[in-house]
């Protein structure tokens, strides 16, 4: 099932829209419901990526630094791959 994705305060509504779509697409291969939030800050270039497992018992938090290229959508998807590498994918 697709994830519930919120992306806020990233500085560009079009970037937020693209990022939400790509993250939703990424989680389609995993069963159950996932929650993903990506929040920016007005005072610095750090975004917070928070992924909550479908059962709510596991949560991952990762900092994405703009000066290191961490705001690039492909890099964010790489982080998600690292988080989910050991999880089973849907058989459907």
PDB file of N, CA and C in Angstrom:
ATOM      1  N   UNK A   1       0.842  -1.178   0.000  1.00  0.00           N
ATOM      2  CA  UNK A   1       0.000   0.000   0.000  1.00  0.00           C
ATOM      3  C   UNK A   1       0.885   1.238   0.000  1.00  0.00           C
ATOM      4  N   UNK A   2       0.392   2.294  -0.573  1.00  0.00           N
ATOM      5  CA  UNK A   2       1.217   3.511  -0.576  1.00  0.00           C
ATOM      6  C   UNK A   2       1.345   4.096   0.821  1.00  0.00           C
ATOM      7  N   UNK A   3       2.409   4.797   1.008  1.00  0.00           N
ATOM      8  CA  UNK A   3       2.654   5.452   2.285  1.00  0.00           C
ATOM      9  C   UNK A   3       1.860   6.747   2.359  1.00  0.00           C
ATOM     10  N   UNK A   4       1.601   7.165   3.579  1.00  0.00           N
ATOM     11  CA  UNK A   4       1.079   8.502   3.815  1.00  0.00           C
ATOM     12  C   UNK A   4       2.299   9.394   3.953  1.00  0.00           C
ATOM     13  N   UNK A   5       2.423  10.358   3.043  1.00  0.00           N
ATOM     14  CA  UNK A   5       3.631  11.178   2.990  1.00  0.00           C
ATOM     15  C   UNK A   5       3.272  12.638   3.215  1.00  0.00           C
ATOM     16  N   UNK A   6       3.973  13.258   4.139  1.00  0.00           N
ATOM     17  CA  UNK A   6       3.847  14.699   4.307  1.00  0.00           C
ATOM     18  C   UNK A   6       5.219  15.315   4.090  1.00  0.00           C
ATOM     19  N   UNK A   7       5.248  16.365   3.306  1.00  0.00           N
ATOM     20  CA  UNK A   7       6.487  17.097   3.029  1.00  0.00           C
ATOM     21  C   UNK A   7       6.164  18.578   3.201  1.00  0.00           C
ATOM     22  N   UNK A   8       6.773  19.187   4.190  1.00  0.00           N
ATOM     23  CA  UNK A   8       6.446  20.565   4.517  1.00  0.00           C
ATOM     24  C   UNK A   8       7.690  21.401   4.769  1.00  0.00           C
ATOM     25  N   UNK A   9       7.565  22.673   4.440  1.00  0.00           N
ATOM     26  CA  UNK A   9       8.603  23.660   4.718  1.00  0.00           C
ATOM     27  C   UNK A   9       9.919  23.353   4.013  1.00  0.00           C
ATOM     28  N   UNK A  10       9.820  22.814   2.795  1.00  0.00           N
ATOM     29  CA  UNK A  10      11.023  22.474   2.042  1.00  0.00           C
ATOM     30  C   UNK A  10      11.487  23.619   1.152  1.00  0.00           C
ATOM     31  N   UNK A  11      10.707  24.684   1.104  1.00  0.00           N
ATOM     32  CA  UNK A  11      11.120  25.869   0.376  1.00  0.00           C
ATOM     33  C   UNK A  11      10.610  25.960  -1.052  1.00  0.00           C
ATOM     34  N   UNK A  12      10.037  24.868  -1.567  1.00  0.00           N
ATOM     35  CA  UNK A  12       9.558  24.875  -2.946  1.00  0.00           C
ATOM     36  C   UNK A  12       8.385  23.895  -3.062  1.00  0.00           C
ATOM     37  N   UNK A  13       7.181  24.414  -3.306  1.00  0.00           N
ATOM     38  CA  UNK A  13       6.007  23.539  -3.395  1.00  0.00           C
ATOM     39  C   UNK A  13       6.127  22.471  -4.489  1.00  0.00           C
ATOM     40  N   UNK A  14       6.779  22.786  -5.588  1.00  0.00           N
ATOM     41  CA  UNK A  14       6.945  21.805  -6.663  1.00  0.00           C
ATOM     42  C   UNK A  14       7.866  20.665  -6.212  1.00  0.00           C
ATOM     43  N   UNK A  15       8.920  20.985  -5.483  1.00  0.00           N
ATOM     44  CA  UNK A  15       9.806  19.966  -4.928  1.00  0.00           C
ATOM     45  C   UNK A  15       9.036  19.076  -3.962  1.00  0.00           C
ATOM     46  N   UNK A  16       8.215  19.684  -3.116  1.00  0.00           N
ATOM     47  CA  UNK A  16       7.409  18.915  -2.167  1.00  0.00           C
ATOM     48  C   UNK A  16       6.497  17.941  -2.902  1.00  0.00           C
ATOM     49  N   UNK A  17       5.864  18.408  -3.953  1.00  0.00           N
ATOM     50  CA  UNK A  17       4.938  17.576  -4.733  1.00  0.00           C
ATOM     51  C   UNK A  17       5.676  16.392  -5.376  1.00  0.00           C
ATOM     52  N   UNK A  18       6.804  16.669  -6.006  1.00  0.00           N
ATOM     53  CA  UNK A  18       7.591  15.603  -6.652  1.00  0.00           C
ATOM     54  C   UNK A  18       8.101  14.599  -5.632  1.00  0.00           C
ATOM     55  N   UNK A  19       8.578  15.088  -4.519  1.00  0.00           N
ATOM     56  CA  UNK A  19       9.110  14.222  -3.483  1.00  0.00           C
ATOM     57  C   UNK A  19       8.019  13.318  -2.915  1.00  0.00           C
ATOM     58  N   UNK A  20       6.851  13.881  -2.627  1.00  0.00           N
ATOM     59  CA  UNK A  20       5.731  13.066  -2.131  1.00  0.00           C
ATOM     60  C   UNK A  20       5.397  11.947  -3.117  1.00  0.00           C
ATOM     61  N   UNK A  21       5.316  12.285  -4.390  1.00  0.00           N
ATOM     62  CA  UNK A  21       4.964  11.294  -5.411  1.00  0.00           C
ATOM     63  C   UNK A  21       6.001  10.173  -5.482  1.00  0.00           C
ATOM     64  N   UNK A  22       7.272  10.519  -5.451  1.00  0.00           N
ATOM     65  CA  UNK A  22       8.333   9.501  -5.556  1.00  0.00           C
ATOM     66  C   UNK A  22       8.371   8.607  -4.315  1.00  0.00           C
ATOM     67  N   UNK A  23       8.164   9.185  -3.138  1.00  0.00           N
ATOM     68  CA  UNK A  23       8.173   8.385  -1.909  1.00  0.00           C
ATOM     69  C   UNK A  23       6.947   7.466  -1.873  1.00  0.00           C
ATOM     70  N   UNK A  24       5.801   7.974  -2.281  1.00  0.00           N
ATOM     71  CA  UNK A  24       4.606   7.130  -2.355  1.00  0.00           C
ATOM     72  C   UNK A  24       4.842   5.958  -3.303  1.00  0.00           C
ATOM     73  N   UNK A  25       5.446   6.221  -4.442  1.00  0.00           N
ATOM     74  CA  UNK A  25       5.753   5.171  -5.413  1.00  0.00           C
ATOM     75  C   UNK A  25       6.728   4.149  -4.813  1.00  0.00           C
ATOM     76  N   UNK A  26       7.733   4.627  -4.110  1.00  0.00           N
ATOM     77  CA  UNK A  26       8.723   3.746  -3.487  1.00  0.00           C
ATOM     78  C   UNK A  26       8.058   2.747  -2.538  1.00  0.00           C
ATOM     79  N   UNK A  27       7.110   3.206  -1.721  1.00  0.00           N
ATOM     80  CA  UNK A  27       6.510   2.345  -0.707  1.00  0.00           C
ATOM     81  C   UNK A  27       5.405   1.440  -1.229  1.00  0.00           C
ATOM     82  N   UNK A  28       5.044   1.549  -2.491  1.00  0.00           N
ATOM     83  CA  UNK A  28       4.019   0.663  -3.049  1.00  0.00           C
ATOM     84  C   UNK A  28       4.431  -0.804  -3.014  1.00  0.00           C
ATOM     85  N   UNK A  29       5.711  -1.079  -2.988  1.00  0.00           N
ATOM     86  CA  UNK A  29       6.185  -2.463  -2.991  1.00  0.00           C
ATOM     87  C   UNK A  29       6.166  -3.104  -1.613  1.00  0.00           C
ATOM     88  N   UNK A  30       5.870  -2.326  -0.574  1.00  0.00           N
ATOM     89  CA  UNK A  30       5.848  -2.852   0.784  1.00  0.00           C
ATOM     90  C   UNK A  30       4.413  -3.008   1.273  1.00  0.00           C
ATOM     91  N   UNK A  31       4.137  -4.097   1.989  1.00  0.00           N
ATOM     92  CA  UNK A  31       2.779  -4.301   2.495  1.00  0.00           C
ATOM     93  C   UNK A  31       2.450  -3.326   3.623  1.00  0.00           C
ATOM     94  N   UNK A  32       1.181  -3.161   3.845  1.00  0.00           N
ATOM     95  CA  UNK A  32       0.658  -2.357   4.947  1.00  0.00           C
ATOM     96  C   UNK A  32       0.856  -0.863   4.699  1.00  0.00           C
ATOM     97  N   UNK A  33       0.505  -0.096   5.691  1.00  0.00           N
ATOM     98  CA  UNK A  33       0.555   1.367   5.599  1.00  0.00           C
ATOM     99  C   UNK A  33       1.797   1.897   6.312  1.00  0.00           C
ATOM    100  N   UNK A  34       2.448   2.841   5.680  1.00  0.00           N
ATOM    101  CA  UNK A  34       3.635   3.482   6.238  1.00  0.00           C
ATOM    102  C   UNK A  34       3.377   4.974   6.349  1.00  0.00           C
ATOM    103  N   UNK A  35       4.052   5.623   7.282  1.00  0.00           N
ATOM    104  CA  UNK A  35       3.969   7.077   7.411  1.00  0.00           C
ATOM    105  C   UNK A  35       5.363   7.656   7.219  1.00  0.00           C
ATOM    106  N   UNK A  36       5.451   8.630   6.346  1.00  0.00           N
ATOM    107  CA  UNK A  36       6.726   9.283   6.061  1.00  0.00           C
ATOM    108  C   UNK A  36       6.507  10.781   6.162  1.00  0.00           C
ATOM    109  N   UNK A  37       7.364  11.447   6.897  1.00  0.00           N
ATOM    110  CA  UNK A  37       7.299  12.901   6.954  1.00  0.00           C
ATOM    111  C   UNK A  37       8.690  13.472   6.675  1.00  0.00           C
ATOM    112  N   UNK A  38       8.676  14.539   5.920  1.00  0.00           N
ATOM    113  CA  UNK A  38       9.913  15.258   5.603  1.00  0.00           C
ATOM    114  C   UNK A  38       9.644  16.720   5.915  1.00  0.00           C
ATOM    115  N   UNK A  39      10.379  17.238   6.874  1.00  0.00           N
ATOM    116  CA  UNK A  39      10.170  18.609   7.300  1.00  0.00           C
ATOM    117  C   UNK A  39      11.449  19.412   7.174  1.00  0.00           C
ATOM    118  N   UNK A  40      11.307  20.586   6.606  1.00  0.00           N
ATOM    119  CA  UNK A  40      12.423  21.505   6.500  1.00  0.00           C
ATOM    120  C   UNK A  40      12.400  22.490   7.646  1.00  0.00           C
ATOM    121  N   UNK A  41      13.380  23.357   7.659  1.00  0.00           N
ATOM    122  CA  UNK A  41      13.470  24.397   8.677  1.00  0.00           C
ATOM    123  C   UNK A  41      13.799  25.715   8.003  1.00  0.00           C
ATOM    124  N   UNK A  42      13.256  26.779   8.518  1.00  0.00           N
ATOM    125  CA  UNK A  42      13.535  28.087   7.949  1.00  0.00           C
ATOM    126  C   UNK A  42      14.876  28.636   8.402  1.00  0.00           C
ATOM    127  N   UNK A  43      15.442  28.069   9.444  1.00  0.00           N
ATOM    128  CA  UNK A  43      16.670  28.625  10.014  1.00  0.00           C
ATOM    129  C   UNK A  43      17.944  27.921   9.570  1.00  0.00           C
ATOM    130  N   UNK A  44      17.797  26.762   8.857  1.00  0.00           N
ATOM    131  CA  UNK A  44      18.997  26.057   8.410  1.00  0.00           C
ATOM    132  C   UNK A  44      18.657  25.188   7.197  1.00  0.00           C
ATOM    133  N   UNK A  45      19.622  24.413   6.723  1.00  0.00           N
ATOM    134  CA  UNK A  45      19.408  23.590   5.525  1.00  0.00           C
ATOM    135  C   UNK A  45      19.144  22.122   5.861  1.00  0.00           C
ATOM    136  N   UNK A  46      18.829  21.845   7.117  1.00  0.00           N
ATOM    137  CA  UNK A  46      18.608  20.464   7.536  1.00  0.00           C
ATOM    138  C   UNK A  46      17.123  20.112   7.426  1.00  0.00           C
ATOM    139  N   UNK A  47      16.853  19.021   6.725  1.00  0.00           N
ATOM    140  CA  UNK A  47      15.507  18.454   6.669  1.00  0.00           C
ATOM    141  C   UNK A  47      15.503  17.214   7.546  1.00  0.00           C
ATOM    142  N   UNK A  48      14.367  16.925   8.145  1.00  0.00           N
ATOM    143  CA  UNK A  48      14.223  15.710   8.938  1.00  0.00           C
ATOM    144  C   UNK A  48      13.331  14.730   8.191  1.00  0.00           C
ATOM    145  N   UNK A  49      13.834  13.541   7.970  1.00  0.00           N
ATOM    146  CA  UNK A  49      13.086  12.456   7.350  1.00  0.00           C
ATOM    147  C   UNK A  49      12.704  11.483   8.457  1.00  0.00           C
ATOM    148  N   UNK A  50      11.417  11.252   8.614  1.00  0.00           N
ATOM    149  CA  UNK A  50      10.943  10.334   9.642  1.00  0.00           C
ATOM    150  C   UNK A  50      10.057   9.289   8.975  1.00  0.00           C
ATOM    151  N   UNK A  51      10.384   8.030   9.184  1.00  0.00           N
ATOM    152  CA  UNK A  51       9.636   6.918   8.620  1.00  0.00           C
ATOM    153  C   UNK A  51       9.112   6.082   9.783  1.00  0.00           C
ATOM    154  N   UNK A  52       7.793   5.850   9.778  1.00  0.00           N
ATOM    155  CA  UNK A  52       7.173   5.037  10.810  1.00  0.00           C
ATOM    156  C   UNK A  52       6.602   3.791  10.161  1.00  0.00           C
ATOM    157  N   UNK A  53       6.984   2.641  10.704  1.00  0.00           N
ATOM    158  CA  UNK A  53       6.526   1.362  10.167  1.00  0.00           C
ATOM    159  C   UNK A  53       5.018   1.228  10.321  1.00  0.00           C
ATOM    160  N   UNK A  54       4.477   0.342   9.522  1.00  0.00           N
ATOM    161  CA  UNK A  54       3.038   0.162   9.473  1.00  0.00           C
ATOM    162  C   UNK A  54       2.444  -0.225  10.827  1.00  0.00           C
ATOM    163  N   UNK A  55       3.176  -0.965  11.635  1.00  0.00           N
ATOM    164  CA  UNK A  55       2.638  -1.359  12.935  1.00  0.00           C
ATOM    165  C   UNK A  55       2.874  -0.291  14.010  1.00  0.00           C
ATOM    166  N   UNK A  56       3.589   0.782  13.653  1.00  0.00           N
ATOM    167  CA  UNK A  56       3.833   1.882  14.571  1.00  0.00           C
ATOM    168  C   UNK A  56       4.882   1.602  15.637  1.00  0.00           C
ATOM    169  N   UNK A  57       5.448   0.412  15.629  1.00  0.00           N
ATOM    170  CA  UNK A  57       6.415   0.046  16.665  1.00  0.00           C
ATOM    171  C   UNK A  57       7.850   0.388  16.305  1.00  0.00           C
ATOM    172  N   UNK A  58       8.094   0.697  15.056  1.00  0.00           N
ATOM    173  CA  UNK A  58       9.463   0.999  14.620  1.00  0.00           C
ATOM    174  C   UNK A  58       9.456   2.344  13.904  1.00  0.00           C
ATOM    175  N   UNK A  59      10.465   3.143  14.210  1.00  0.00           N
ATOM    176  CA  UNK A  59      10.554   4.472  13.614  1.00  0.00           C
ATOM    177  C   UNK A  59      12.012   4.776  13.310  1.00  0.00           C
ATOM    178  N   UNK A  60      12.234   5.376  12.158  1.00  0.00           N
ATOM    179  CA  UNK A  60      13.576   5.780  11.745  1.00  0.00           C
ATOM    180  C   UNK A  60      13.567   7.288  11.542  1.00  0.00           C
ATOM    181  N   UNK A  61      14.606   7.945  12.000  1.00  0.00           N
ATOM    182  CA  UNK A  61      14.750   9.383  11.787  1.00  0.00           C
ATOM    183  C   UNK A  61      16.124   9.611  11.177  1.00  0.00           C
ATOM    184  N   UNK A  62      16.136  10.392  10.113  1.00  0.00           N
ATOM    185  CA  UNK A  62      17.384  10.665   9.409  1.00  0.00           C
ATOM    186  C   UNK A  62      17.444  12.159   9.097  1.00  0.00           C
ATOM    187  N   UNK A  63      18.585  12.759   9.261  1.00  0.00           N
ATOM    188  CA  UNK A  63      18.795  14.174   8.927  1.00  0.00           C
ATOM    189  C   UNK A  63      19.336  14.269   7.507  1.00  0.00           C
ATOM    190  N   UNK A  64      18.753  15.153   6.725  1.00  0.00           N
ATOM    191  CA  UNK A  64      19.158  15.374   5.334  1.00  0.00           C
ATOM    192  C   UNK A  64      19.759  16.773   5.243  1.00  0.00           C
ATOM    193  N   UNK A  65      21.042  16.853   4.988  1.00  0.00           N
ATOM    194  CA  UNK A  65      21.741  18.137   4.950  1.00  0.00           C
ATOM    195  C   UNK A  65      21.841  18.643   3.515  1.00  0.00           C
ATOM    196  N   UNK A  66      21.342  19.832   3.285  1.00  0.00           N
ATOM    197  CA  UNK A  66      21.334  20.416   1.944  1.00  0.00           C
ATOM    198  C   UNK A  66      22.717  20.621   1.367  1.00  0.00           C
ATOM    199  N   UNK A  67      23.661  21.033   2.171  1.00  0.00           N
ATOM    200  CA  UNK A  67      25.008  21.291   1.670  1.00  0.00           C
ATOM    201  C   UNK A  67      25.728  20.012   1.257  1.00  0.00           C
ATOM    202  N   UNK A  68      25.238  18.859   1.686  1.00  0.00           N
ATOM    203  CA  UNK A  68      25.808  17.564   1.294  1.00  0.00           C
ATOM    204  C   UNK A  68      25.028  16.907   0.161  1.00  0.00           C
ATOM    205  N   UNK A  69      24.080  17.630  -0.420  1.00  0.00           N
ATOM    206  CA  UNK A  69      23.247  17.060  -1.482  1.00  0.00           C
ATOM    207  C   UNK A  69      22.095  16.221  -0.953  1.00  0.00           C
ATOM    208  N   UNK A  70      21.849  16.276   0.339  1.00  0.00           N
ATOM    209  CA  UNK A  70      20.820  15.463   0.964  1.00  0.00           C
ATOM    210  C   UNK A  70      19.401  15.802   0.581  1.00  0.00           C
ATOM    211  N   UNK A  71      19.196  16.930  -0.093  1.00  0.00           N
ATOM    212  CA  UNK A  71      17.853  17.313  -0.522  1.00  0.00           C
ATOM    213  C   UNK A  71      17.504  16.765  -1.897  1.00  0.00           C
ATOM    214  N   UNK A  72      18.433  16.121  -2.541  1.00  0.00           N
ATOM    215  CA  UNK A  72      18.195  15.525  -3.847  1.00  0.00           C
ATOM    216  C   UNK A  72      17.251  14.324  -3.687  1.00  0.00           C
ATOM    217  N   UNK A  73      16.226  14.250  -4.525  1.00  0.00           N
ATOM    218  CA  UNK A  73      15.226  13.195  -4.413  1.00  0.00           C
ATOM    219  C   UNK A  73      15.860  11.814  -4.516  1.00  0.00           C
ATOM    220  N   UNK A  74      16.794  11.637  -5.418  1.00  0.00           N
ATOM    221  CA  UNK A  74      17.438  10.324  -5.568  1.00  0.00           C
ATOM    222  C   UNK A  74      18.215   9.934  -4.312  1.00  0.00           C
ATOM    223  N   UNK A  75      18.847  10.898  -3.659  1.00  0.00           N
ATOM    224  CA  UNK A  75      19.568  10.603  -2.415  1.00  0.00           C
ATOM    225  C   UNK A  75      18.595  10.234  -1.299  1.00  0.00           C
ATOM    226  N   UNK A  76      17.449  10.888  -1.276  1.00  0.00           N
ATOM    227  CA  UNK A  76      16.430  10.561  -0.273  1.00  0.00           C
ATOM    228  C   UNK A  76      15.920   9.144  -0.501  1.00  0.00           C
ATOM    229  N   UNK A  77      15.713   8.769  -1.757  1.00  0.00           N
ATOM    230  CA  UNK A  77      15.279   7.404  -2.064  1.00  0.00           C
ATOM    231  C   UNK A  77      16.353   6.386  -1.668  1.00  0.00           C
ATOM    232  N   UNK A  78      17.613   6.746  -1.804  1.00  0.00           N
ATOM    233  CA  UNK A  78      18.701   5.867  -1.363  1.00  0.00           C
ATOM    234  C   UNK A  78      18.641   5.655   0.144  1.00  0.00           C
ATOM    235  N   UNK A  79      18.360   6.705   0.892  1.00  0.00           N
ATOM    236  CA  UNK A  79      18.213   6.579   2.342  1.00  0.00           C
ATOM    237  C   UNK A  79      17.047   5.642   2.661  1.00  0.00           C
ATOM    238  N   UNK A  80      15.939   5.786   1.949  1.00  0.00           N
ATOM    239  CA  UNK A  80      14.795   4.902   2.172  1.00  0.00           C
ATOM    240  C   UNK A  80      15.146   3.451   1.853  1.00  0.00           C
ATOM    241  N   UNK A  81      15.931   3.239   0.817  1.00  0.00           N
ATOM    242  CA  UNK A  81      16.379   1.877   0.486  1.00  0.00           C
ATOM    243  C   UNK A  81      17.224   1.295   1.613  1.00  0.00           C
ATOM    244  N   UNK A  82      18.084   2.110   2.206  1.00  0.00           N
ATOM    245  CA  UNK A  82      18.922   1.642   3.302  1.00  0.00           C
ATOM    246  C   UNK A  82      18.074   1.282   4.527  1.00  0.00           C
ATOM    247  N   UNK A  83      17.038   2.064   4.778  1.00  0.00           N
ATOM    248  CA  UNK A  83      16.152   1.817   5.911  1.00  0.00           C
ATOM    249  C   UNK A  83      15.369   0.518   5.716  1.00  0.00           C
ATOM    250  N   UNK A  84      14.925   0.274   4.499  1.00  0.00           N
ATOM    251  CA  UNK A  84      14.008  -0.841   4.234  1.00  0.00           C
ATOM    252  C   UNK A  84      14.683  -2.076   3.648  1.00  0.00           C
ATOM    253  N   UNK A  85      15.984  -2.112   3.582  1.00  0.00           N
ATOM    254  CA  UNK A  85      16.716  -3.172   2.891  1.00  0.00           C
ATOM    255  C   UNK A  85      16.361  -4.572   3.384  1.00  0.00           C
ATOM    256  N   UNK A  86      16.073  -4.735   4.634  1.00  0.00           N
ATOM    257  CA  UNK A  86      15.793  -6.073   5.161  1.00  0.00           C
ATOM    258  C   UNK A  86      14.297  -6.383   5.267  1.00  0.00           C
ATOM    259  N   UNK A  87      13.456  -5.495   4.812  1.00  0.00           N
ATOM    260  CA  UNK A  87      12.016  -5.716   4.924  1.00  0.00           C
ATOM    261  C   UNK A  87      11.496  -6.516   3.740  1.00  0.00           C
ATOM    262  N   UNK A  88      10.527  -7.382   3.986  1.00  0.00           N
ATOM    263  CA  UNK A  88       9.940  -8.139   2.877  1.00  0.00           C
ATOM    264  C   UNK A  88       9.085  -7.234   2.002  1.00  0.00           C
ATOM    265  N   UNK A  89       9.117  -7.479   0.708  1.00  0.00           N
ATOM    266  CA  UNK A  89       8.276  -6.717  -0.216  1.00  0.00           C
ATOM    267  C   UNK A  89       6.988  -7.485  -0.451  1.00  0.00           C
ATOM    268  N   UNK A  90       5.994  -6.785  -0.929  1.00  0.00           N
ATOM    269  CA  UNK A  90       4.697  -7.378  -1.186  1.00  0.00           C
ATOM    270  C   UNK A  90       4.804  -8.413  -2.311  1.00  0.00           C
ATOM    271  N   UNK A  91       4.036  -9.461  -2.206  1.00  0.00           N
ATOM    272  CA  UNK A  91       4.018 -10.506  -3.229  1.00  0.00           C
ATOM    273  C   UNK A  91       3.042 -10.184  -4.362  1.00  0.00           C
ATOM    274  N   UNK A  92       2.380  -9.057  -4.264  1.00  0.00           N
ATOM    275  CA  UNK A  92       1.368  -8.682  -5.266  1.00  0.00           C
ATOM    276  C   UNK A  92       1.875  -7.607  -6.185  1.00  0.00           C
TER     277      UNK A  92
END
